[in-house]
Amino acid sequence: MIMDLNAEKLELIKKIVKTEDLGLLQKIRAIFEDKEKEAWEELTPEQQEEINITIQNENRGDVVDF
């Protein structure tokens, strides 16, 4: 199953790299953005706040790498 998934990803990558159709690329981007938005909306407000705080801390350089 994982091999099938990886093979599918590679095929899509090849097609994306070859295309000159900007509209198609924009549609693909929109699909991913919609999925990211859905994932964000499934988080609790507390989880969203924790992520936002982490991003703000990282932007300020307040993050410690382990």
N, C-alpha and C. Protein backbone atom coordinates (compact mmCIF):
# COMPACT_ATOMS: atom_id res chain seq x y z
N MET A 1 0.82 -1.20 0.00
CA MET A 1 0.00 0.00 0.00
C MET A 1 0.86 1.26 0.00
N ILE A 2 1.92 1.26 0.82
CA ILE A 2 2.80 2.44 0.87
C ILE A 2 3.49 2.63 -0.47
N MET A 3 3.88 1.54 -1.11
CA MET A 3 4.52 1.65 -2.43
C MET A 3 3.55 2.28 -3.42
N ASP A 4 2.29 1.90 -3.34
CA ASP A 4 1.29 2.47 -4.23
C ASP A 4 1.14 3.96 -3.98
N LEU A 5 1.15 4.36 -2.72
CA LEU A 5 1.03 5.77 -2.36
C LEU A 5 2.23 6.55 -2.88
N ASN A 6 3.42 6.03 -2.65
CA ASN A 6 4.63 6.71 -3.13
C ASN A 6 4.67 6.78 -4.65
N ALA A 7 4.25 5.72 -5.30
CA ALA A 7 4.22 5.72 -6.76
C ALA A 7 3.23 6.77 -7.28
N GLU A 8 2.10 6.86 -6.63
CA GLU A 8 1.09 7.86 -7.01
C GLU A 8 1.63 9.27 -6.84
N LYS A 9 2.31 9.50 -5.72
CA LYS A 9 2.90 10.82 -5.48
C LYS A 9 3.91 11.17 -6.56
N LEU A 10 4.76 10.21 -6.90
CA LEU A 10 5.77 10.47 -7.93
C LEU A 10 5.13 10.78 -9.28
N GLU A 11 4.08 10.06 -9.62
CA GLU A 11 3.38 10.33 -10.88
C GLU A 11 2.79 11.73 -10.89
N LEU A 12 2.19 12.12 -9.78
CA LEU A 12 1.62 13.47 -9.71
C LEU A 12 2.71 14.53 -9.80
N ILE A 13 3.81 14.31 -9.12
CA ILE A 13 4.93 15.26 -9.18
C ILE A 13 5.40 15.43 -10.62
N LYS A 14 5.55 14.32 -11.33
CA LYS A 14 5.99 14.38 -12.73
C LYS A 14 5.03 15.21 -13.57
N LYS A 15 3.74 14.98 -13.37
CA LYS A 15 2.74 15.72 -14.16
C LYS A 15 2.74 17.20 -13.81
N ILE A 16 2.89 17.51 -12.53
CA ILE A 16 2.91 18.91 -12.10
C ILE A 16 4.12 19.62 -12.69
N VAL A 17 5.27 18.97 -12.66
CA VAL A 17 6.50 19.58 -13.18
C VAL A 17 6.40 19.83 -14.68
N LYS A 18 5.75 18.94 -15.39
CA LYS A 18 5.66 19.06 -16.86
C LYS A 18 4.62 20.08 -17.32
N THR A 19 3.62 20.35 -16.52
CA THR A 19 2.52 21.19 -17.00
C THR A 19 2.93 22.65 -17.14
N GLU A 20 2.35 23.29 -18.13
CA GLU A 20 2.51 24.73 -18.35
C GLU A 20 1.19 25.46 -18.08
N ASP A 21 0.21 24.71 -17.58
CA ASP A 21 -1.14 25.23 -17.36
C ASP A 21 -1.22 25.89 -15.98
N LEU A 22 -1.10 27.21 -15.95
CA LEU A 22 -1.12 27.94 -14.69
C LEU A 22 -2.45 27.74 -13.96
N GLY A 23 -3.53 27.70 -14.69
CA GLY A 23 -4.85 27.50 -14.08
C GLY A 23 -4.93 26.17 -13.34
N LEU A 24 -4.38 25.14 -13.94
CA LEU A 24 -4.35 23.83 -13.30
C LEU A 24 -3.53 23.87 -12.01
N LEU A 25 -2.37 24.50 -12.07
CA LEU A 25 -1.52 24.61 -10.89
C LEU A 25 -2.23 25.39 -9.78
N GLN A 26 -2.97 26.43 -10.15
CA GLN A 26 -3.71 27.20 -9.16
C GLN A 26 -4.81 26.35 -8.52
N LYS A 27 -5.45 25.49 -9.31
CA LYS A 27 -6.48 24.61 -8.77
C LYS A 27 -5.88 23.59 -7.81
N ILE A 28 -4.72 23.07 -8.17
CA ILE A 28 -4.05 22.12 -7.29
C ILE A 28 -3.69 22.80 -5.97
N ARG A 29 -3.16 24.02 -6.06
CA ARG A 29 -2.82 24.77 -4.85
C ARG A 29 -4.07 25.00 -3.99
N ALA A 30 -5.17 25.33 -4.63
CA ALA A 30 -6.42 25.59 -3.90
C ALA A 30 -6.90 24.34 -3.16
N ILE A 31 -6.72 23.19 -3.77
CA ILE A 31 -7.11 21.94 -3.11
C ILE A 31 -6.32 21.77 -1.83
N PHE A 32 -5.01 21.98 -1.90
CA PHE A 32 -4.18 21.84 -0.71
C PHE A 32 -4.53 22.89 0.35
N GLU A 33 -4.78 24.10 -0.08
CA GLU A 33 -5.14 25.15 0.87
C GLU A 33 -6.46 24.85 1.56
N ASP A 34 -7.42 24.31 0.80
CA ASP A 34 -8.70 23.93 1.40
C ASP A 34 -8.52 22.83 2.43
N LYS A 35 -7.67 21.86 2.13
CA LYS A 35 -7.42 20.76 3.07
C LYS A 35 -6.76 21.30 4.34
N GLU A 36 -5.81 22.22 4.18
CA GLU A 36 -5.15 22.81 5.35
C GLU A 36 -6.16 23.58 6.19
N LYS A 37 -7.05 24.31 5.52
CA LYS A 37 -8.07 25.08 6.23
C LYS A 37 -9.00 24.14 7.00
N GLU A 38 -9.39 23.04 6.37
CA GLU A 38 -10.26 22.07 7.03
C GLU A 38 -9.57 21.50 8.27
N ALA A 39 -8.29 21.18 8.14
CA ALA A 39 -7.55 20.61 9.27
C ALA A 39 -7.49 21.63 10.41
N TRP A 40 -7.26 22.90 10.07
CA TRP A 40 -7.19 23.95 11.08
C TRP A 40 -8.52 24.08 11.81
N GLU A 41 -9.60 24.04 11.05
CA GLU A 41 -10.92 24.22 11.64
C GLU A 41 -11.34 23.05 12.52
N GLU A 42 -10.71 21.89 12.34
CA GLU A 42 -11.01 20.73 13.16
C GLU A 42 -10.32 20.80 14.52
N LEU A 43 -9.34 21.69 14.65
CA LEU A 43 -8.64 21.85 15.93
C LEU A 43 -9.51 22.62 16.92
N THR A 44 -9.30 22.34 18.18
CA THR A 44 -10.01 23.10 19.20
C THR A 44 -9.41 24.51 19.26
N PRO A 45 -10.16 25.47 19.80
CA PRO A 45 -9.59 26.82 19.96
C PRO A 45 -8.29 26.81 20.77
N GLU A 46 -8.20 25.92 21.75
CA GLU A 46 -6.99 25.84 22.56
C GLU A 46 -5.80 25.36 21.72
N GLN A 47 -6.05 24.38 20.87
CA GLN A 47 -4.99 23.88 20.00
C GLN A 47 -4.54 24.96 19.02
N GLN A 48 -5.51 25.68 18.45
CA GLN A 48 -5.18 26.77 17.54
C GLN A 48 -4.34 27.82 18.24
N GLU A 49 -4.72 28.17 19.46
CA GLU A 49 -3.98 29.19 20.21
C GLU A 49 -2.55 28.71 20.49
N GLU A 50 -2.40 27.45 20.87
CA GLU A 50 -1.08 26.91 21.15
C GLU A 50 -0.19 26.96 19.91
N ILE A 51 -0.74 26.62 18.77
CA ILE A 51 0.00 26.67 17.52
C ILE A 51 0.39 28.11 17.20
N ASN A 52 -0.55 29.03 17.34
CA ASN A 52 -0.26 30.44 17.05
C ASN A 52 0.83 30.98 17.97
N ILE A 53 0.79 30.61 19.24
CA ILE A 53 1.82 31.06 20.18
C ILE A 53 3.18 30.49 19.78
N THR A 54 3.21 29.22 19.40
CA THR A 54 4.46 28.59 18.98
C THR A 54 5.03 29.28 17.75
N ILE A 55 4.16 29.61 16.80
CA ILE A 55 4.61 30.31 15.59
C ILE A 55 5.17 31.68 15.95
N GLN A 56 4.48 32.40 16.82
CA GLN A 56 4.95 33.73 17.24
C GLN A 56 6.30 33.62 17.93
N ASN A 57 6.45 32.64 18.81
CA ASN A 57 7.72 32.44 19.51
C ASN A 57 8.85 32.12 18.53
N GLU A 58 8.55 31.28 17.56
CA GLU A 58 9.56 30.92 16.58
C GLU A 58 9.95 32.13 15.73
N ASN A 59 8.98 32.94 15.36
CA ASN A 59 9.26 34.14 14.58
C ASN A 59 10.15 35.12 15.35
N ARG A 60 10.03 35.11 16.68
CA ARG A 60 10.87 35.98 17.52
C ARG A 60 12.20 35.33 17.86
N GLY A 61 12.34 34.05 17.53
CA GLY A 61 13.57 33.34 17.85
C GLY A 61 13.59 32.79 19.26
N ASP A 62 12.42 32.65 19.86
CA ASP A 62 12.32 32.17 21.24
C ASP A 62 12.19 30.65 21.34
N VAL A 63 12.49 29.94 20.29
CA VAL A 63 12.31 28.49 20.28
C VAL A 63 13.63 27.80 20.57
N VAL A 64 13.58 26.80 21.42
CA VAL A 64 14.76 26.01 21.74
C VAL A 64 14.66 24.69 20.98
N ASP A 65 15.69 24.38 20.19
CA ASP A 65 15.72 23.09 19.48
C ASP A 65 16.19 22.01 20.43
N PHE A 66 15.56 20.87 20.34
CA PHE A 66 15.95 19.76 21.20
C PHE A 66 16.85 18.82 20.46
